[in-house]
Amino acid sequence: MTMGRIYYSAARGGFFNTDSHNELPDDAVRISALRHAELLAAQATGRKIVPGDKGKPVLAPAKAPGVERLRAWATEDLSAEATRRIEAVASRARQSNDNALIAQAALAAATGAAAPDGLDEAMARRATIDAIRAAFHRAAAIVARMPAANLTDFDATAARYWVEG
């Protein structure tokens, strides 16, 4: 089975394959299957296909992301870094066990029973994790006010975002 030829029409802003189109627009220009695949792959990432020289399809220059998009990316990076730092302190399972231990300690305190073993370590991990979360929120507030120029090479791992206080 042979594959039909692929054409692009600037007037219609689309592709035509001779396997499925008997008639082509007057301005249709032939392109290779490889070029067609490249254009569609780029379009799937948000690029626009526009007519170029002699009606051949080309990709429009990539539009720089706006400040809100840059801020969202920076905040996502901060969140990922906070998660990485928290999980370096305690895995999710360890955090869950610490939460249970802290709840047991509260119950023990309310009933006059002895605190469970390991409470000091659990509370220390909780304090460290809370400090990381607080640092994340402070850094996210800074990012929310940053101009685009400061966000283009944003480094969420920079120590200045993760200091306590």
C-alpha atoms as a PDB file:
ATOM      1  CA  MET A   1       0.000   0.000   0.000  1.00  0.00           C
ATOM      2  CA  THR A   2       1.408   3.360  -0.980  1.00  0.00           C
ATOM      3  CA  MET A   3       1.035   6.381   1.219  1.00  0.00           C
ATOM      4  CA  GLY A   4      -0.673   9.373  -0.272  1.00  0.00           C
ATOM      5  CA  ARG A   5       1.109  12.617  -0.860  1.00  0.00           C
ATOM      6  CA  ILE A   6       0.782  15.353   1.727  1.00  0.00           C
ATOM      7  CA  TYR A   7       0.005  18.959   0.840  1.00  0.00           C
ATOM      8  CA  TYR A   8      -0.370  22.145   2.855  1.00  0.00           C
ATOM      9  CA  SER A   9      -2.811  24.938   2.073  1.00  0.00           C
ATOM     10  CA  ALA A  10      -1.978  28.371   3.460  1.00  0.00           C
ATOM     11  CA  ALA A  11      -5.455  29.651   2.619  1.00  0.00           C
ATOM     12  CA  ARG A  12      -7.105  26.871   4.600  1.00  0.00           C
ATOM     13  CA  GLY A  13      -4.337  26.565   7.200  1.00  0.00           C
ATOM     14  CA  GLY A  14      -4.275  22.805   7.004  1.00  0.00           C
ATOM     15  CA  PHE A  15      -2.894  19.626   5.508  1.00  0.00           C
ATOM     16  CA  PHE A  16      -4.368  17.461   2.813  1.00  0.00           C
ATOM     17  CA  ASN A  17      -3.499  13.858   2.010  1.00  0.00           C
ATOM     18  CA  THR A  18      -4.260  12.538  -1.468  1.00  0.00           C
ATOM     19  CA  ASP A  19      -5.443   9.274   0.129  1.00  0.00           C
ATOM     20  CA  SER A  20      -8.399  11.085   1.661  1.00  0.00           C
ATOM     21  CA  HIS A  21      -8.792  14.201  -0.495  1.00  0.00           C
ATOM     22  CA  ASN A  22      -9.607  13.913  -4.169  1.00  0.00           C
ATOM     23  CA  GLU A  23      -9.400  17.650  -4.729  1.00  0.00           C
ATOM     24  CA  LEU A  24      -6.764  19.977  -3.375  1.00  0.00           C
ATOM     25  CA  PRO A  25      -6.999  23.725  -2.781  1.00  0.00           C
ATOM     26  CA  ASP A  26      -5.436  25.862  -5.522  1.00  0.00           C
ATOM     27  CA  ASP A  27      -2.642  27.028  -3.194  1.00  0.00           C
ATOM     28  CA  ALA A  28      -1.689  23.534  -1.957  1.00  0.00           C
ATOM     29  CA  VAL A  29       2.058  22.844  -1.837  1.00  0.00           C
ATOM     30  CA  ARG A  30       3.547  19.410  -1.416  1.00  0.00           C
ATOM     31  CA  ILE A  31       5.585  18.566   1.705  1.00  0.00           C
ATOM     32  CA  SER A  32       7.332  15.395   2.773  1.00  0.00           C
ATOM     33  CA  ALA A  33       5.842  12.972   5.274  1.00  0.00           C
ATOM     34  CA  LEU A  34       8.838  13.634   7.521  1.00  0.00           C
ATOM     35  CA  ARG A  35       8.251  17.407   7.469  1.00  0.00           C
ATOM     36  CA  HIS A  36       4.546  16.825   8.135  1.00  0.00           C
ATOM     37  CA  ALA A  37       5.420  14.700  11.183  1.00  0.00           C
ATOM     38  CA  GLU A  38       7.896  17.334  12.445  1.00  0.00           C
ATOM     39  CA  LEU A  39       5.318  20.094  12.137  1.00  0.00           C
ATOM     40  CA  LEU A  40       2.633  18.094  13.934  1.00  0.00           C
ATOM     41  CA  ALA A  41       5.037  17.135  16.731  1.00  0.00           C
ATOM     42  CA  ALA A  42       5.945  20.790  17.248  1.00  0.00           C
ATOM     43  CA  GLN A  43       2.284  21.789  17.127  1.00  0.00           C
ATOM     44  CA  ALA A  44       1.567  19.267  19.901  1.00  0.00           C
ATOM     45  CA  THR A  45       3.977  21.211  22.138  1.00  0.00           C
ATOM     46  CA  GLY A  46       2.149  24.490  21.535  1.00  0.00           C
ATOM     47  CA  ARG A  47       3.959  25.819  18.478  1.00  0.00           C
ATOM     48  CA  LYS A  48       1.886  27.309  15.652  1.00  0.00           C
ATOM     49  CA  ILE A  49       2.108  26.241  12.029  1.00  0.00           C
ATOM     50  CA  VAL A  50       1.966  29.229   9.673  1.00  0.00           C
ATOM     51  CA  PRO A  51       2.529  29.740   5.948  1.00  0.00           C
ATOM     52  CA  GLY A  52       6.075  30.633   5.053  1.00  0.00           C
ATOM     53  CA  ASP A  53       7.943  31.346   1.849  1.00  0.00           C
ATOM     54  CA  LYS A  54       5.962  30.252  -1.228  1.00  0.00           C
ATOM     55  CA  GLY A  55       3.159  28.927   0.983  1.00  0.00           C
ATOM     56  CA  LYS A  56       5.240  26.158   2.573  1.00  0.00           C
ATOM     57  CA  PRO A  57       4.318  25.521   6.220  1.00  0.00           C
ATOM     58  CA  VAL A  58       6.773  26.719   8.851  1.00  0.00           C
ATOM     59  CA  LEU A  59       6.728  27.011  12.626  1.00  0.00           C
ATOM     60  CA  ALA A  60       6.060  30.459  14.023  1.00  0.00           C
ATOM     61  CA  PRO A  61       8.756  31.658  16.384  1.00  0.00           C
ATOM     62  CA  ALA A  62       8.184  30.330  19.876  1.00  0.00           C
ATOM     63  CA  LYS A  63       6.420  32.867  22.026  1.00  0.00           C
ATOM     64  CA  ALA A  64       8.194  33.624  25.271  1.00  0.00           C
ATOM     65  CA  PRO A  65       6.138  32.577  28.281  1.00  0.00           C
ATOM     66  CA  GLY A  66       4.492  35.381  30.223  1.00  0.00           C
ATOM     67  CA  VAL A  67       5.365  36.334  33.777  1.00  0.00           C
ATOM     68  CA  GLU A  68       2.452  34.352  35.241  1.00  0.00           C
ATOM     69  CA  ARG A  69       3.591  31.171  33.470  1.00  0.00           C
ATOM     70  CA  LEU A  70       7.176  31.766  34.654  1.00  0.00           C
ATOM     71  CA  ARG A  71       5.927  32.258  38.206  1.00  0.00           C
ATOM     72  CA  ALA A  72       3.889  29.056  38.019  1.00  0.00           C
ATOM     73  CA  TRP A  73       6.946  27.103  36.817  1.00  0.00           C
ATOM     74  CA  ALA A  74       9.100  28.591  39.577  1.00  0.00           C
ATOM     75  CA  THR A  75       6.484  27.707  42.197  1.00  0.00           C
ATOM     76  CA  GLU A  76       6.264  24.154  40.830  1.00  0.00           C
ATOM     77  CA  ASP A  77      10.055  23.917  41.070  1.00  0.00           C
ATOM     78  CA  LEU A  78       9.948  25.192  44.663  1.00  0.00           C
ATOM     79  CA  SER A  79       7.280  22.635  45.518  1.00  0.00           C
ATOM     80  CA  ALA A  80       9.361  19.812  44.041  1.00  0.00           C
ATOM     81  CA  GLU A  81      12.410  21.007  45.987  1.00  0.00           C
ATOM     82  CA  ALA A  82      10.385  21.213  49.214  1.00  0.00           C
ATOM     83  CA  THR A  83       9.142  17.665  48.642  1.00  0.00           C
ATOM     84  CA  ARG A  84      12.696  16.470  48.001  1.00  0.00           C
ATOM     85  CA  ARG A  85      13.926  18.139  51.199  1.00  0.00           C
ATOM     86  CA  ILE A  86      11.036  16.802  53.287  1.00  0.00           C
ATOM     87  CA  GLU A  87      11.514  13.260  52.030  1.00  0.00           C
ATOM     88  CA  ALA A  88      15.230  13.535  52.853  1.00  0.00           C
ATOM     89  CA  VAL A  89      14.166  14.163  56.473  1.00  0.00           C
ATOM     90  CA  ALA A  90      11.547  11.405  56.566  1.00  0.00           C
ATOM     91  CA  SER A  91       9.891   9.175  53.995  1.00  0.00           C
ATOM     92  CA  ARG A  92       6.133   9.407  53.668  1.00  0.00           C
ATOM     93  CA  ALA A  93       5.780   6.195  55.638  1.00  0.00           C
ATOM     94  CA  ARG A  94       8.034   7.604  58.409  1.00  0.00           C
ATOM     95  CA  GLN A  95       5.955  10.816  58.433  1.00  0.00           C
ATOM     96  CA  SER A  96       2.764   8.765  58.767  1.00  0.00           C
ATOM     97  CA  ASN A  97       4.244   6.771  61.636  1.00  0.00           C
ATOM     98  CA  ASP A  98       5.436   9.992  63.301  1.00  0.00           C
ATOM     99  CA  ASN A  99       1.920  11.440  63.015  1.00  0.00           C
ATOM    100  CA  ALA A 100       0.505   8.323  64.680  1.00  0.00           C
ATOM    101  CA  LEU A 101       3.129   8.510  67.426  1.00  0.00           C
ATOM    102  CA  ILE A 102       2.384  12.191  68.055  1.00  0.00           C
ATOM    103  CA  ALA A 103      -1.343  11.384  68.265  1.00  0.00           C
ATOM    104  CA  GLN A 104      -0.611   8.571  70.717  1.00  0.00           C
ATOM    105  CA  ALA A 105       1.433  10.995  72.806  1.00  0.00           C
ATOM    106  CA  ALA A 106      -1.459  13.471  72.886  1.00  0.00           C
ATOM    107  CA  LEU A 107      -3.800  10.705  74.025  1.00  0.00           C
ATOM    108  CA  ALA A 108      -1.277   9.577  76.625  1.00  0.00           C
ATOM    109  CA  ALA A 109      -0.945  13.142  77.927  1.00  0.00           C
ATOM    110  CA  ALA A 110      -4.722  13.487  78.143  1.00  0.00           C
ATOM    111  CA  THR A 111      -5.072  10.231  80.102  1.00  0.00           C
ATOM    112  CA  GLY A 112      -1.974  10.628  82.277  1.00  0.00           C
ATOM    113  CA  ALA A 113      -0.145   7.721  80.618  1.00  0.00           C
ATOM    114  CA  ALA A 114       3.536   7.741  79.750  1.00  0.00           C
ATOM    115  CA  ALA A 115       4.592   9.207  76.415  1.00  0.00           C
ATOM    116  CA  PRO A 116       5.467   6.591  73.793  1.00  0.00           C
ATOM    117  CA  ASP A 117       9.101   5.878  72.941  1.00  0.00           C
ATOM    118  CA  GLY A 118      10.531   7.838  70.035  1.00  0.00           C
ATOM    119  CA  LEU A 119       8.403  10.934  70.593  1.00  0.00           C
ATOM    120  CA  ASP A 120      11.377  13.324  70.794  1.00  0.00           C
ATOM    121  CA  GLU A 121      12.752  12.095  67.457  1.00  0.00           C
ATOM    122  CA  ALA A 122       9.314  12.292  65.817  1.00  0.00           C
ATOM    123  CA  MET A 123       8.813  15.833  67.102  1.00  0.00           C
ATOM    124  CA  ALA A 124      12.259  16.863  65.838  1.00  0.00           C
ATOM    125  CA  ARG A 125      11.472  15.508  62.363  1.00  0.00           C
ATOM    126  CA  ARG A 126       8.088  17.266  62.440  1.00  0.00           C
ATOM    127  CA  ALA A 127       9.751  20.577  63.392  1.00  0.00           C
ATOM    128  CA  THR A 128      12.256  20.247  60.546  1.00  0.00           C
ATOM    129  CA  ILE A 129       9.505  19.434  58.055  1.00  0.00           C
ATOM    130  CA  ASP A 130       7.403  22.358  59.305  1.00  0.00           C
ATOM    131  CA  ALA A 131      10.417  24.657  58.820  1.00  0.00           C
ATOM    132  CA  ILE A 132      10.798  23.415  55.223  1.00  0.00           C
ATOM    133  CA  ARG A 133       7.107  24.047  54.552  1.00  0.00           C
ATOM    134  CA  ALA A 134       7.350  27.533  56.034  1.00  0.00           C
ATOM    135  CA  ALA A 135      10.395  28.263  53.867  1.00  0.00           C
ATOM    136  CA  PHE A 136       8.468  27.060  50.809  1.00  0.00           C
ATOM    137  CA  HIS A 137       5.600  29.452  51.574  1.00  0.00           C
ATOM    138  CA  ARG A 138       7.997  32.372  52.084  1.00  0.00           C
ATOM    139  CA  ALA A 139       9.777  31.579  48.817  1.00  0.00           C
ATOM    140  CA  ALA A 140       6.480  31.211  46.937  1.00  0.00           C
ATOM    141  CA  ALA A 141       5.437  34.659  48.208  1.00  0.00           C
ATOM    142  CA  ILE A 142       8.724  36.086  46.878  1.00  0.00           C
ATOM    143  CA  VAL A 143       8.180  34.394  43.498  1.00  0.00           C
ATOM    144  CA  ALA A 144       4.656  35.836  43.311  1.00  0.00           C
ATOM    145  CA  ARG A 145       6.213  39.317  43.196  1.00  0.00           C
ATOM    146  CA  MET A 146       9.241  38.590  40.998  1.00  0.00           C
ATOM    147  CA  PRO A 147       9.538  40.226  37.587  1.00  0.00           C
ATOM    148  CA  ALA A 148       9.958  37.974  34.552  1.00  0.00           C
ATOM    149  CA  ALA A 149      13.648  38.877  34.206  1.00  0.00           C
ATOM    150  CA  ASN A 150      14.360  37.257  37.581  1.00  0.00           C
ATOM    151  CA  LEU A 151      12.412  34.107  36.716  1.00  0.00           C
ATOM    152  CA  THR A 152      14.011  33.037  33.446  1.00  0.00           C
ATOM    153  CA  ASP A 153      16.873  31.258  35.212  1.00  0.00           C
ATOM    154  CA  PHE A 154      15.169  30.640  38.555  1.00  0.00           C
ATOM    155  CA  ASP A 155      16.934  28.099  40.786  1.00  0.00           C
ATOM    156  CA  ALA A 156      14.585  26.554  43.345  1.00  0.00           C
ATOM    157  CA  THR A 157      17.517  24.819  45.039  1.00  0.00           C
ATOM    158  CA  ALA A 158      19.248  28.098  45.963  1.00  0.00           C
ATOM    159  CA  ALA A 159      20.031  28.144  49.673  1.00  0.00           C
ATOM    160  CA  ARG A 160      18.574  31.644  50.126  1.00  0.00           C
ATOM    161  CA  TYR A 161      15.046  30.211  49.738  1.00  0.00           C
ATOM    162  CA  TRP A 162      15.512  27.549  52.402  1.00  0.00           C
ATOM    163  CA  VAL A 163      16.820  29.461  55.406  1.00  0.00           C
ATOM    164  CA  GLU A 164      14.755  29.368  58.574  1.00  0.00           C
ATOM    165  CA  GLY A 165      13.043  32.438  59.903  1.00  0.00           C
END
